Amino acid sequence: MRPVRILSVCGSGTVSSAMLTSKLTDVLEERGYELEAEEVAPGGVPLAVQNGNYDIIAYTSPVEDGFGLPLLNATGFLVGMDEDEFVEELMKEVSKLKL
């Protein structure tokens, strides 16, 4: 089975997106999945999507275009609000993938 590939997006592409990636890793590993992720700022999304092969974009800063990928607002998940709803949405999207 291949990893779930997620593009993590935050304002600067460093701290919040790295924390988001860590939380996503924990959630997915608990459910038997491996995560492959990259962290970028919103301005880096077009190039990352063009160069990468992502399944999902999870963001804490607004992303203008998902380029056909599911966009998951992870702000609440990152700060501990509505985590269950986010995880449910995440797993719904993961279940659609051919891994």
PDB file of N, CA and C in Angstrom:
ATOM      1  N   MET A   1       0.844  -1.172   0.000  1.00  0.00           N
ATOM      2  CA  MET A   1       0.000   0.000   0.000  1.00  0.00           C
ATOM      3  C   MET A   1       0.891   1.237   0.000  1.00  0.00           C
ATOM      4  N   ARG A   2       0.565   2.192  -0.847  1.00  0.00           N
ATOM      5  CA  ARG A   2       1.344   3.431  -0.913  1.00  0.00           C
ATOM      6  C   ARG A   2       0.873   4.394   0.180  1.00  0.00           C
ATOM      7  N   PRO A   3       1.709   5.373   0.513  1.00  0.00           N
ATOM      8  CA  PRO A   3       1.318   6.358   1.532  1.00  0.00           C
ATOM      9  C   PRO A   3       0.224   7.290   1.026  1.00  0.00           C
ATOM     10  N   VAL A   4      -0.503   7.871   1.958  1.00  0.00           N
ATOM     11  CA  VAL A   4      -1.421   8.958   1.654  1.00  0.00           C
ATOM     12  C   VAL A   4      -0.545  10.190   1.483  1.00  0.00           C
ATOM     13  N   ARG A   5      -0.717  10.909   0.383  1.00  0.00           N
ATOM     14  CA  ARG A   5       0.124  12.074   0.095  1.00  0.00           C
ATOM     15  C   ARG A   5      -0.685  13.351   0.334  1.00  0.00           C
ATOM     16  N   ILE A   6      -0.232  14.127   1.323  1.00  0.00           N
ATOM     17  CA  ILE A   6      -0.950  15.339   1.704  1.00  0.00           C
ATOM     18  C   ILE A   6      -0.021  16.538   1.615  1.00  0.00           C
ATOM     19  N   LEU A   7      -0.550  17.611   1.041  1.00  0.00           N
ATOM     20  CA  LEU A   7       0.141  18.887   1.001  1.00  0.00           C
ATOM     21  C   LEU A   7      -0.387  19.710   2.176  1.00  0.00           C
ATOM     22  N   SER A   8       0.492  20.042   3.126  1.00  0.00           N
ATOM     23  CA  SER A   8       0.121  20.817   4.309  1.00  0.00           C
ATOM     24  C   SER A   8       0.454  22.284   4.063  1.00  0.00           C
ATOM     25  N   VAL A   9      -0.535  23.145   4.233  1.00  0.00           N
ATOM     26  CA  VAL A   9      -0.360  24.551   3.886  1.00  0.00           C
ATOM     27  C   VAL A   9      -0.625  25.439   5.106  1.00  0.00           C
ATOM     28  N   CYS A  10       0.330  26.334   5.381  1.00  0.00           N
ATOM     29  CA  CYS A  10       0.134  27.356   6.414  1.00  0.00           C
ATOM     30  C   CYS A  10       0.705  28.667   5.897  1.00  0.00           C
ATOM     31  N   GLY A  11       0.559  29.717   6.667  1.00  0.00           N
ATOM     32  CA  GLY A  11       0.967  31.050   6.224  1.00  0.00           C
ATOM     33  C   GLY A  11       2.393  31.166   5.744  1.00  0.00           C
ATOM     34  N   SER A  12       3.329  30.553   6.466  1.00  0.00           N
ATOM     35  CA  SER A  12       4.739  30.662   6.073  1.00  0.00           C
ATOM     36  C   SER A  12       5.287  29.369   5.478  1.00  0.00           C
ATOM     37  N   GLY A  13       4.537  28.290   5.595  1.00  0.00           N
ATOM     38  CA  GLY A  13       4.998  27.015   5.063  1.00  0.00           C
ATOM     39  C   GLY A  13       5.991  26.307   5.953  1.00  0.00           C
ATOM     40  N   THR A  14       6.042  26.709   7.231  1.00  0.00           N
ATOM     41  CA  THR A  14       7.010  26.078   8.125  1.00  0.00           C
ATOM     42  C   THR A  14       6.359  25.547   9.396  1.00  0.00           C
ATOM     43  N   VAL A  15       6.143  26.378  10.390  1.00  0.00           N
ATOM     44  CA  VAL A  15       5.779  25.919  11.730  1.00  0.00           C
ATOM     45  C   VAL A  15       4.409  25.245  11.792  1.00  0.00           C
ATOM     46  N   SER A  16       3.351  25.958  11.452  1.00  0.00           N
ATOM     47  CA  SER A  16       2.005  25.380  11.573  1.00  0.00           C
ATOM     48  C   SER A  16       1.817  24.180  10.661  1.00  0.00           C
ATOM     49  N   SER A  17       2.349  24.261   9.459  1.00  0.00           N
ATOM     50  CA  SER A  17       2.191  23.134   8.543  1.00  0.00           C
ATOM     51  C   SER A  17       2.969  21.913   9.025  1.00  0.00           C
ATOM     52  N   ALA A  18       4.115  22.129   9.659  1.00  0.00           N
ATOM     53  CA  ALA A  18       4.881  21.009  10.228  1.00  0.00           C
ATOM     54  C   ALA A  18       4.120  20.389  11.400  1.00  0.00           C
ATOM     55  N   MET A  19       3.497  21.230  12.227  1.00  0.00           N
ATOM     56  CA  MET A  19       2.683  20.708  13.330  1.00  0.00           C
ATOM     57  C   MET A  19       1.474  19.954  12.787  1.00  0.00           C
ATOM     58  N   LEU A  20       0.875  20.475  11.728  1.00  0.00           N
ATOM     59  CA  LEU A  20      -0.255  19.807  11.087  1.00  0.00           C
ATOM     60  C   LEU A  20       0.170  18.450  10.549  1.00  0.00           C
ATOM     61  N   THR A  21       1.311  18.400   9.887  1.00  0.00           N
ATOM     62  CA  THR A  21       1.822  17.136   9.357  1.00  0.00           C
ATOM     63  C   THR A  21       2.023  16.116  10.469  1.00  0.00           C
ATOM     64  N   SER A  22       2.539  16.562  11.598  1.00  0.00           N
ATOM     65  CA  SER A  22       2.751  15.664  12.732  1.00  0.00           C
ATOM     66  C   SER A  22       1.424  15.089  13.232  1.00  0.00           C
ATOM     67  N   LYS A  23       0.414  15.940  13.359  1.00  0.00           N
ATOM     68  CA  LYS A  23      -0.894  15.463  13.823  1.00  0.00           C
ATOM     69  C   LYS A  23      -1.536  14.527  12.793  1.00  0.00           C
ATOM     70  N   LEU A  24      -1.393  14.866  11.526  1.00  0.00           N
ATOM     71  CA  LEU A  24      -1.940  14.006  10.467  1.00  0.00           C
ATOM     72  C   LEU A  24      -1.256  12.645  10.482  1.00  0.00           C
ATOM     73  N   THR A  25       0.046  12.639  10.691  1.00  0.00           N
ATOM     74  CA  THR A  25       0.795  11.384  10.773  1.00  0.00           C
ATOM     75  C   THR A  25       0.236  10.508  11.878  1.00  0.00           C
ATOM     76  N   ASP A  26       0.015  11.097  13.056  1.00  0.00           N
ATOM     77  CA  ASP A  26      -0.522  10.336  14.192  1.00  0.00           C
ATOM     78  C   ASP A  26      -1.891   9.743  13.866  1.00  0.00           C
ATOM     79  N   VAL A  27      -2.771  10.558  13.310  1.00  0.00           N
ATOM     80  CA  VAL A  27      -4.136  10.104  12.991  1.00  0.00           C
ATOM     81  C   VAL A  27      -4.098   8.973  11.975  1.00  0.00           C
ATOM     82  N   LEU A  28      -3.321   9.148  10.928  1.00  0.00           N
ATOM     83  CA  LEU A  28      -3.283   8.133   9.869  1.00  0.00           C
ATOM     84  C   LEU A  28      -2.604   6.847  10.343  1.00  0.00           C
ATOM     85  N   GLU A  29      -1.516   6.971  11.088  1.00  0.00           N
ATOM     86  CA  GLU A  29      -0.833   5.770  11.587  1.00  0.00           C
ATOM     87  C   GLU A  29      -1.725   4.973  12.527  1.00  0.00           C
ATOM     88  N   GLU A  30      -2.536   5.650  13.337  1.00  0.00           N
ATOM     89  CA  GLU A  30      -3.473   4.961  14.229  1.00  0.00           C
ATOM     90  C   GLU A  30      -4.481   4.120  13.440  1.00  0.00           C
ATOM     91  N   ARG A  31      -4.689   4.502  12.194  1.00  0.00           N
ATOM     92  CA  ARG A  31      -5.662   3.816  11.339  1.00  0.00           C
ATOM     93  C   ARG A  31      -5.005   2.923  10.292  1.00  0.00           C
ATOM     94  N   GLY A  32      -3.684   2.731  10.430  1.00  0.00           N
ATOM     95  CA  GLY A  32      -2.969   1.807   9.564  1.00  0.00           C
ATOM     96  C   GLY A  32      -2.451   2.379   8.259  1.00  0.00           C
ATOM     97  N   TYR A  33      -2.385   3.700   8.153  1.00  0.00           N
ATOM     98  CA  TYR A  33      -1.893   4.349   6.933  1.00  0.00           C
ATOM     99  C   TYR A  33      -0.560   5.021   7.201  1.00  0.00           C
ATOM    100  N   GLU A  34       0.208   5.181   6.140  1.00  0.00           N
ATOM    101  CA  GLU A  34       1.457   5.929   6.196  1.00  0.00           C
ATOM    102  C   GLU A  34       1.219   7.258   5.497  1.00  0.00           C
ATOM    103  N   LEU A  35       1.874   8.319   5.974  1.00  0.00           N
ATOM    104  CA  LEU A  35       1.712   9.647   5.391  1.00  0.00           C
ATOM    105  C   LEU A  35       3.000  10.090   4.722  1.00  0.00           C
ATOM    106  N   GLU A  36       2.844  10.684   3.560  1.00  0.00           N
ATOM    107  CA  GLU A  36       3.927  11.376   2.870  1.00  0.00           C
ATOM    108  C   GLU A  36       3.432  12.802   2.696  1.00  0.00           C
ATOM    109  N   ALA A  37       4.159  13.774   3.230  1.00  0.00           N
ATOM    110  CA  ALA A  37       3.664  15.146   3.214  1.00  0.00           C
ATOM    111  C   ALA A  37       4.753  16.136   2.849  1.00  0.00           C
ATOM    112  N   GLU A  38       4.298  17.281   2.403  1.00  0.00           N
ATOM    113  CA  GLU A  38       5.181  18.418   2.142  1.00  0.00           C
ATOM    114  C   GLU A  38       4.500  19.640   2.741  1.00  0.00           C
ATOM    115  N   GLU A  39       5.285  20.543   3.306  1.00  0.00           N
ATOM    116  CA  GLU A  39       4.759  21.763   3.886  1.00  0.00           C
ATOM    117  C   GLU A  39       5.095  22.943   2.993  1.00  0.00           C
ATOM    118  N   VAL A  40       4.075  23.764   2.717  1.00  0.00           N
ATOM    119  CA  VAL A  40       4.271  24.949   1.882  1.00  0.00           C
ATOM    120  C   VAL A  40       3.391  26.095   2.372  1.00  0.00           C
ATOM    121  N   ALA A  41       3.730  27.306   1.920  1.00  0.00           N
ATOM    122  CA  ALA A  41       2.893  28.485   2.114  1.00  0.00           C
ATOM    123  C   ALA A  41       1.849  28.496   0.991  1.00  0.00           C
ATOM    124  N   PRO A  42       0.759  29.247   1.138  1.00  0.00           N
ATOM    125  CA  PRO A  42      -0.266  29.269   0.087  1.00  0.00           C
ATOM    126  C   PRO A  42       0.282  29.581  -1.305  1.00  0.00           C
ATOM    127  N   GLY A  43       1.249  30.472  -1.389  1.00  0.00           N
ATOM    128  CA  GLY A  43       1.827  30.816  -2.690  1.00  0.00           C
ATOM    129  C   GLY A  43       2.586  29.671  -3.336  1.00  0.00           C
ATOM    130  N   GLY A  44       2.986  28.681  -2.558  1.00  0.00           N
ATOM    131  CA  GLY A  44       3.723  27.542  -3.078  1.00  0.00           C
ATOM    132  C   GLY A  44       2.851  26.392  -3.540  1.00  0.00           C
ATOM    133  N   VAL A  45       1.544  26.514  -3.338  1.00  0.00           N
ATOM    134  CA  VAL A  45       0.638  25.416  -3.696  1.00  0.00           C
ATOM    135  C   VAL A  45       0.676  25.085  -5.185  1.00  0.00           C
ATOM    136  N   PRO A  46       0.560  26.068  -6.099  1.00  0.00           N
ATOM    137  CA  PRO A  46       0.552  25.717  -7.520  1.00  0.00           C
ATOM    138  C   PRO A  46       1.777  24.912  -7.960  1.00  0.00           C
ATOM    139  N   LEU A  47       2.963  25.340  -7.554  1.00  0.00           N
ATOM    140  CA  LEU A  47       4.182  24.634  -7.945  1.00  0.00           C
ATOM    141  C   LEU A  47       4.249  23.257  -7.297  1.00  0.00           C
ATOM    142  N   ALA A  48       3.881  23.173  -6.014  1.00  0.00           N
ATOM    143  CA  ALA A  48       3.913  21.880  -5.324  1.00  0.00           C
ATOM    144  C   ALA A  48       2.964  20.885  -5.987  1.00  0.00           C
ATOM    145  N   VAL A  49       1.770  21.349  -6.333  1.00  0.00           N
ATOM    146  CA  VAL A  49       0.799  20.458  -6.979  1.00  0.00           C
ATOM    147  C   VAL A  49       1.301  20.044  -8.354  1.00  0.00           C
ATOM    148  N   GLN A  50       1.921  20.963  -9.065  1.00  0.00           N
ATOM    149  CA  GLN A  50       2.458  20.667 -10.390  1.00  0.00           C
ATOM    150  C   GLN A  50       3.586  19.644 -10.314  1.00  0.00           C
ATOM    151  N   ASN A  51       4.446  19.754  -9.295  1.00  0.00           N
ATOM    152  CA  ASN A  51       5.605  18.878  -9.171  1.00  0.00           C
ATOM    153  C   ASN A  51       5.344  17.605  -8.383  1.00  0.00           C
ATOM    154  N   GLY A  52       4.302  17.617  -7.561  1.00  0.00           N
ATOM    155  CA  GLY A  52       4.017  16.465  -6.705  1.00  0.00           C
ATOM    156  C   GLY A  52       2.810  15.694  -7.175  1.00  0.00           C
ATOM    157  N   ASN A  53       2.553  14.633  -6.479  1.00  0.00           N
ATOM    158  CA  ASN A  53       1.405  13.796  -6.805  1.00  0.00           C
ATOM    159  C   ASN A  53       0.597  13.646  -5.517  1.00  0.00           C
ATOM    160  N   TYR A  54      -0.119  14.684  -5.137  1.00  0.00           N
ATOM    161  CA  TYR A  54      -0.814  14.729  -3.863  1.00  0.00           C
ATOM    162  C   TYR A  54      -2.240  14.205  -3.983  1.00  0.00           C
ATOM    163  N   ASP A  55      -2.740  13.728  -2.852  1.00  0.00           N
ATOM    164  CA  ASP A  55      -4.112  13.229  -2.776  1.00  0.00           C
ATOM    165  C   ASP A  55      -5.045  14.262  -2.170  1.00  0.00           C
ATOM    166  N   ILE A  56      -4.522  15.039  -1.228  1.00  0.00           N
ATOM    167  CA  ILE A  56      -5.335  15.951  -0.423  1.00  0.00           C
ATOM    168  C   ILE A  56      -4.498  17.182  -0.096  1.00  0.00           C
ATOM    169  N   ILE A  57      -5.169  18.330   0.020  1.00  0.00           N
ATOM    170  CA  ILE A  57      -4.541  19.530   0.542  1.00  0.00           C
ATOM    171  C   ILE A  57      -5.213  19.844   1.873  1.00  0.00           C
ATOM    172  N   ALA A  58      -4.407  19.905   2.938  1.00  0.00           N
ATOM    173  CA  ALA A  58      -4.895  20.304   4.259  1.00  0.00           C
ATOM    174  C   ALA A  58      -4.282  21.663   4.561  1.00  0.00           C
ATOM    175  N   TYR A  59      -5.118  22.627   4.961  1.00  0.00           N
ATOM    176  CA  TYR A  59      -4.607  23.984   5.107  1.00  0.00           C
ATOM    177  C   TYR A  59      -5.062  24.654   6.406  1.00  0.00           C
ATOM    178  N   THR A  60      -4.216  25.581   6.863  1.00  0.00           N
ATOM    179  CA  THR A  60      -4.583  26.453   7.975  1.00  0.00           C
ATOM    180  C   THR A  60      -4.610  27.910   7.523  1.00  0.00           C
ATOM    181  N   SER A  61      -4.105  28.185   6.342  1.00  0.00           N
ATOM    182  CA  SER A  61      -4.205  29.495   5.695  1.00  0.00           C
ATOM    183  C   SER A  61      -4.948  29.280   4.381  1.00  0.00           C
ATOM    184  N   PRO A  62      -5.783  30.231   3.995  1.00  0.00           N
ATOM    185  CA  PRO A  62      -6.617  30.044   2.802  1.00  0.00           C
ATOM    186  C   PRO A  62      -5.829  29.656   1.555  1.00  0.00           C
ATOM    187  N   VAL A  63      -6.396  28.724   0.818  1.00  0.00           N
ATOM    188  CA  VAL A  63      -5.840  28.268  -0.454  1.00  0.00           C
ATOM    189  C   VAL A  63      -6.870  28.627  -1.523  1.00  0.00           C
ATOM    190  N   GLU A  64      -6.434  29.347  -2.541  1.00  0.00           N
ATOM    191  CA  GLU A  64      -7.374  29.838  -3.542  1.00  0.00           C
ATOM    192  C   GLU A  64      -7.865  28.778  -4.509  1.00  0.00           C
ATOM    193  N   ASP A  65      -7.040  27.787  -4.803  1.00  0.00           N
ATOM    194  CA  ASP A  65      -7.412  26.771  -5.782  1.00  0.00           C
ATOM    195  C   ASP A  65      -6.865  25.433  -5.319  1.00  0.00           C
ATOM    196  N   GLY A  66      -7.716  24.422  -5.344  1.00  0.00           N
ATOM    197  CA  GLY A  66      -7.285  23.087  -4.934  1.00  0.00           C
ATOM    198  C   GLY A  66      -6.769  22.257  -6.096  1.00  0.00           C
ATOM    199  N   PHE A  67      -6.835  22.802  -7.316  1.00  0.00           N
ATOM    200  CA  PHE A  67      -6.327  22.106  -8.492  1.00  0.00           C
ATOM    201  C   PHE A  67      -6.925  20.708  -8.613  1.00  0.00           C
ATOM    202  N   GLY A  68      -8.206  20.601  -8.280  1.00  0.00           N
ATOM    203  CA  GLY A  68      -8.906  19.321  -8.401  1.00  0.00           C
ATOM    204  C   GLY A  68      -8.716  18.387  -7.220  1.00  0.00           C
ATOM    205  N   LEU A  69      -7.950  18.812  -6.219  1.00  0.00           N
ATOM    206  CA  LEU A  69      -7.728  17.985  -5.033  1.00  0.00           C
ATOM    207  C   LEU A  69      -8.702  18.387  -3.936  1.00  0.00           C
ATOM    208  N   PRO A  70      -9.067  17.448  -3.067  1.00  0.00           N
ATOM    209  CA  PRO A  70      -9.903  17.809  -1.926  1.00  0.00           C
ATOM    210  C   PRO A  70      -9.166  18.795  -1.020  1.00  0.00           C
ATOM    211  N   LEU A  71      -9.864  19.839  -0.608  1.00  0.00           N
ATOM    212  CA  LEU A  71      -9.320  20.840   0.297  1.00  0.00           C
ATOM    213  C   LEU A  71      -9.936  20.643   1.672  1.00  0.00           C
ATOM    214  N   LEU A  72      -9.102  20.430   2.687  1.00  0.00           N
ATOM    215  CA  LEU A  72      -9.585  20.241   4.049  1.00  0.00           C
ATOM    216  C   LEU A  72      -9.084  21.373   4.930  1.00  0.00           C
ATOM    217  N   ASN A  73     -10.005  22.126   5.515  1.00  0.00           N
ATOM    218  CA  ASN A  73      -9.639  23.196   6.430  1.00  0.00           C
ATOM    219  C   ASN A  73      -9.229  22.558   7.754  1.00  0.00           C
ATOM    220  N   ALA A  74      -7.961  22.652   8.089  1.00  0.00           N
ATOM    221  CA  ALA A  74      -7.413  21.977   9.266  1.00  0.00           C
ATOM    222  C   ALA A  74      -7.144  22.912  10.430  1.00  0.00           C
ATOM    223  N   THR A  75      -7.645  24.137  10.371  1.00  0.00           N
ATOM    224  CA  THR A  75      -7.376  25.098  11.431  1.00  0.00           C
ATOM    225  C   THR A  75      -7.874  24.597  12.783  1.00  0.00           C
ATOM    226  N   GLY A  76      -9.130  24.181  12.846  1.00  0.00           N
ATOM    227  CA  GLY A  76      -9.685  23.668  14.096  1.00  0.00           C
ATOM    228  C   GLY A  76      -8.967  22.423  14.572  1.00  0.00           C
ATOM    229  N   PHE A  77      -8.649  21.543  13.653  1.00  0.00           N
ATOM    230  CA  PHE A  77      -7.923  20.307  13.979  1.00  0.00           C
ATOM    231  C   PHE A  77      -6.578  20.633  14.620  1.00  0.00           C
ATOM    232  N   LEU A  78      -5.888  21.608  14.078  1.00  0.00           N
ATOM    233  CA  LEU A  78      -4.566  21.969  14.590  1.00  0.00           C
ATOM    234  C   LEU A  78      -4.638  22.525  16.010  1.00  0.00           C
ATOM    235  N   VAL A  79      -5.687  23.293  16.300  1.00  0.00           N
ATOM    236  CA  VAL A  79      -5.790  23.934  17.618  1.00  0.00           C
ATOM    237  C   VAL A  79      -6.659  23.151  18.595  1.00  0.00           C
ATOM    238  N   GLY A  80      -7.147  21.995  18.184  1.00  0.00           N
ATOM    239  CA  GLY A  80      -7.894  21.141  19.104  1.00  0.00           C
ATOM    240  C   GLY A  80      -9.386  21.375  19.134  1.00  0.00           C
ATOM    241  N   MET A  81      -9.933  22.006  18.100  1.00  0.00           N
ATOM    242  CA  MET A  81     -11.381  22.225  18.025  1.00  0.00           C
ATOM    243  C   MET A  81     -11.940  21.423  16.855  1.00  0.00           C
ATOM    244  N   ASP A  82     -13.060  20.781  17.072  1.00  0.00           N
ATOM    245  CA  ASP A  82     -13.726  20.013  16.015  1.00  0.00           C
ATOM    246  C   ASP A  82     -12.811  18.957  15.402  1.00  0.00           C
ATOM    247  N   GLU A  83     -11.936  18.378  16.227  1.00  0.00           N
ATOM    248  CA  GLU A  83     -10.994  17.379  15.718  1.00  0.00           C
ATOM    249  C   GLU A  83     -11.714  16.169  15.126  1.00  0.00           C
ATOM    250  N   ASP A  84     -12.756  15.700  15.799  1.00  0.00           N
ATOM    251  CA  ASP A  84     -13.466  14.513  15.314  1.00  0.00           C
ATOM    252  C   ASP A  84     -14.082  14.752  13.945  1.00  0.00           C
ATOM    253  N   GLU A  85     -14.630  15.942  13.736  1.00  0.00           N
ATOM    254  CA  GLU A  85     -15.231  16.260  12.435  1.00  0.00           C
ATOM    255  C   GLU A  85     -14.167  16.298  11.340  1.00  0.00           C
ATOM    256  N   PHE A  86     -13.016  16.885  11.660  1.00  0.00           N
ATOM    257  CA  PHE A  86     -11.939  16.933  10.678  1.00  0.00           C
ATOM    258  C   PHE A  86     -11.459  15.522  10.348  1.00  0.00           C
ATOM    259  N   VAL A  87     -11.237  14.701  11.371  1.00  0.00           N
ATOM    260  CA  VAL A  87     -10.750  13.334  11.156  1.00  0.00           C
ATOM    261  C   VAL A  87     -11.764  12.546  10.333  1.00  0.00           C
ATOM    262  N   GLU A  88     -13.040  12.752  10.587  1.00  0.00           N
ATOM    263  CA  GLU A  88     -14.080  12.067   9.804  1.00  0.00           C
ATOM    264  C   GLU A  88     -14.007  12.486   8.337  1.00  0.00           C
ATOM    265  N   GLU A  89     -13.843  13.782   8.096  1.00  0.00           N
ATOM    266  CA  GLU A  89     -13.727  14.280   6.725  1.00  0.00           C
ATOM    267  C   GLU A  89     -12.456  13.749   6.063  1.00  0.00           C
ATOM    268  N   LEU A  90     -11.347  13.754   6.800  1.00  0.00           N
ATOM    269  CA  LEU A  90     -10.084  13.233   6.290  1.00  0.00           C
ATOM    270  C   LEU A  90     -10.219  11.769   5.892  1.00  0.00           C
ATOM    271  N   MET A  91     -10.783  10.970   6.782  1.00  0.00           N
ATOM    272  CA  MET A  91     -10.891   9.537   6.511  1.00  0.00           C
ATOM    273  C   MET A  91     -11.866   9.255   5.367  1.00  0.00           C
ATOM    274  N   LYS A  92     -12.866  10.106   5.211  1.00  0.00           N
ATOM    275  CA  LYS A  92     -13.791   9.979   4.077  1.00  0.00           C
ATOM    276  C   LYS A  92     -13.011  10.138   2.771  1.00  0.00           C
ATOM    277  N   GLU A  93     -12.135  11.137   2.734  1.00  0.00           N
ATOM    278  CA  GLU A  93     -11.329  11.367   1.522  1.00  0.00           C
ATOM    279  C   GLU A  93     -10.302  10.245   1.329  1.00  0.00           C
ATOM    280  N   VAL A  94      -9.687   9.794   2.399  1.00  0.00           N
ATOM    281  CA  VAL A  94      -8.710   8.702   2.308  1.00  0.00           C
ATOM    282  C   VAL A  94      -9.378   7.425   1.798  1.00  0.00           C
ATOM    283  N   SER A  95     -10.604   7.187   2.223  1.00  0.00           N
ATOM    284  CA  SER A  95     -11.305   5.965   1.786  1.00  0.00           C
ATOM    285  C   SER A  95     -11.581   5.947   0.290  1.00  0.00           C
ATOM    286  N   LYS A  96     -11.566   7.105  -0.345  1.00  0.00           N
ATOM    287  CA  LYS A  96     -11.797   7.201  -1.794  1.00  0.00           C
ATOM    288  C   LYS A  96     -10.535   6.918  -2.615  1.00  0.00           C
ATOM    289  N   LEU A  97      -9.382   6.913  -1.934  1.00  0.00           N
ATOM    290  CA  LEU A  97      -8.107   6.761  -2.641  1.00  0.00           C
ATOM    291  C   LEU A  97      -7.815   5.311  -2.993  1.00  0.00           C
ATOM    292  N   LYS A  98      -7.112   5.133  -4.086  1.00  0.00           N
ATOM    293  CA  LYS A  98      -6.627   3.804  -4.473  1.00  0.00           C
ATOM    294  C   LYS A  98      -5.198   3.698  -3.975  1.00  0.00           C
ATOM    295  N   LEU A  99      -5.065   3.119  -2.796  1.00  0.00           N
ATOM    296  CA  LEU A  99      -3.745   3.025  -2.174  1.00  0.00           C
ATOM    297  C   LEU A  99      -3.185   1.635  -2.405  1.00  0.00           C
TER     298      LEU A  99
END
